[in-house]
């Protein structure tokens, strides 16, 4: 299945660093003897990372929101995201926005530059 790709005009901002957190891919069940059993549920590990991208204009913000709303179905669908850990840009991860949520922050009082912040989840 082909996925839409992450917008190329959005520029990754790493002011707070890049800190992916690995989520569990296990189910926990309490046993009668007091121990907790854990069993693997997934073949890939799930990662979450908080990211910010700079949008250079009001038009870029509008295009980004249109991409989230229309192409991603309000952020629910997966997309091909370029992994920043790969300097060549060749590694694309299947990712989605957690809860479909994006926060926009105007970077000037002219409303001509924005920061789009969201939590991304991907599997690797």
Protein backbone atom coordinates (compact mmCIF):
# COMPACT_ATOMS: atom_id res chain seq x y z
CA UNK A 1 0.00 0.00 0.00
CA UNK A 2 1.33 3.42 -0.94
CA UNK A 3 1.40 6.10 1.72
CA UNK A 4 1.38 9.84 1.36
CA UNK A 5 4.77 11.35 2.18
CA UNK A 6 5.63 13.92 4.81
CA UNK A 7 5.73 17.46 3.32
CA UNK A 8 9.22 18.35 2.09
CA UNK A 9 8.77 22.07 2.84
CA UNK A 10 8.56 21.43 6.61
CA UNK A 11 11.96 21.84 8.29
CA UNK A 12 12.78 19.75 11.36
CA UNK A 13 13.74 21.80 14.43
CA UNK A 14 15.87 20.00 17.02
CA UNK A 15 16.02 22.68 19.73
CA UNK A 16 15.07 20.16 22.41
CA UNK A 17 17.03 17.34 20.85
CA UNK A 18 15.76 14.14 19.31
CA UNK A 19 14.54 11.79 22.03
CA UNK A 20 12.53 8.81 20.79
CA UNK A 21 11.08 6.61 23.50
CA UNK A 22 10.58 2.92 22.92
CA UNK A 23 7.13 1.66 23.84
CA UNK A 24 6.25 -1.79 24.97
CA UNK A 25 5.18 -4.45 22.56
CA UNK A 26 4.16 -6.82 25.32
CA UNK A 27 1.02 -7.88 27.16
CA UNK A 28 1.26 -8.21 30.94
CA UNK A 29 -0.85 -10.69 32.86
CA UNK A 30 -0.82 -11.27 36.59
CA UNK A 31 -0.42 -14.91 37.48
CA UNK A 32 -1.98 -16.75 40.41
CA UNK A 33 1.40 -17.09 42.11
CA UNK A 34 1.95 -13.29 42.14
CA UNK A 35 4.39 -13.13 39.24
CA UNK A 36 3.59 -11.08 36.18
CA UNK A 37 3.88 -12.81 32.84
CA UNK A 38 4.88 -10.77 29.81
CA UNK A 39 4.37 -11.98 26.26
CA UNK A 40 5.50 -10.37 23.07
CA UNK A 41 2.66 -8.97 20.94
CA UNK A 42 4.41 -7.31 18.03
CA UNK A 43 7.29 -8.13 15.74
CA UNK A 44 8.49 -4.49 15.65
CA UNK A 45 9.15 -2.04 18.47
CA UNK A 46 6.92 1.04 18.69
CA UNK A 47 8.61 4.41 19.16
CA UNK A 48 7.18 7.82 20.04
CA UNK A 49 8.96 11.11 19.62
CA UNK A 50 7.89 14.73 20.14
CA UNK A 51 8.85 16.79 17.09
CA UNK A 52 8.65 20.37 15.88
CA UNK A 53 8.79 21.48 12.26
CA UNK A 54 9.21 25.04 11.02
CA UNK A 55 6.73 26.21 8.39
CA UNK A 56 8.14 29.22 6.50
CA UNK A 57 4.87 30.96 5.60
CA UNK A 58 1.12 31.11 6.13
CA UNK A 59 0.77 29.20 2.85
CA UNK A 60 2.99 26.40 4.23
CA UNK A 61 0.90 26.26 7.42
CA UNK A 62 -2.31 26.08 5.38
CA UNK A 63 -0.82 23.38 3.14
CA UNK A 64 0.38 21.38 6.16
CA UNK A 65 -3.05 21.57 7.79
CA UNK A 66 -4.69 20.57 4.51
CA UNK A 67 -2.31 17.57 4.28
CA UNK A 68 -3.19 16.55 7.87
CA UNK A 69 -6.91 17.05 7.37
CA UNK A 70 -7.38 15.63 3.85
CA UNK A 71 -4.49 13.26 3.07
CA UNK A 72 -4.23 11.84 6.59
CA UNK A 73 -7.93 11.84 7.46
CA UNK A 74 -7.51 14.31 10.36
CA UNK A 75 -4.19 12.71 11.22
CA UNK A 76 -5.40 9.11 11.53
CA UNK A 77 -3.67 7.63 8.46
CA UNK A 78 -0.06 6.50 8.11
CA UNK A 79 2.50 8.38 6.04
CA UNK A 80 6.08 7.91 4.87
CA UNK A 81 8.30 9.92 7.20
CA UNK A 82 12.02 10.52 6.52
CA UNK A 83 13.96 9.26 9.54
CA UNK A 84 16.26 12.07 10.79
CA UNK A 85 18.76 9.50 12.07
CA UNK A 86 19.60 8.64 8.46
CA UNK A 87 21.71 11.51 7.11
CA UNK A 88 21.11 10.42 3.52
CA UNK A 89 17.34 10.78 3.89
CA UNK A 90 16.82 7.38 2.26
CA UNK A 91 15.15 5.71 5.25
CA UNK A 92 11.39 6.23 5.27
CA UNK A 93 9.41 5.07 8.29
CA UNK A 94 5.71 4.23 8.34
CA UNK A 95 4.47 6.77 10.87
CA UNK A 96 1.38 8.58 12.09
CA UNK A 97 0.43 11.47 14.35
CA UNK A 98 -0.57 10.35 17.84
CA UNK A 99 -4.27 11.20 18.24
CA UNK A 100 -3.99 13.14 14.95
CA UNK A 101 -3.10 16.25 16.96
CA UNK A 102 -0.87 19.12 15.76
CA UNK A 103 -0.19 22.34 17.68
CA UNK A 104 0.65 25.47 15.68
CA UNK A 105 2.61 28.36 17.17
CA UNK A 106 3.15 31.66 15.36
CA UNK A 107 6.83 32.63 15.53
CA UNK A 108 6.26 36.32 14.89
CA UNK A 109 3.49 38.87 15.33
CA UNK A 110 3.19 39.04 11.51
CA UNK A 111 1.91 35.42 11.42
CA UNK A 112 4.29 34.63 8.57
CA UNK A 113 6.21 31.76 10.15
CA UNK A 114 4.94 28.87 12.30
CA UNK A 115 6.08 25.96 14.39
CA UNK A 116 4.06 22.75 14.00
CA UNK A 117 4.52 20.46 17.02
CA UNK A 118 3.18 16.94 17.40
CA UNK A 119 3.93 13.49 18.75
CA UNK A 120 4.84 10.97 16.09
CA UNK A 121 4.72 7.20 16.40
CA UNK A 122 6.57 4.75 14.19
CA UNK A 123 7.70 1.14 14.23
CA UNK A 124 11.23 -0.14 13.67
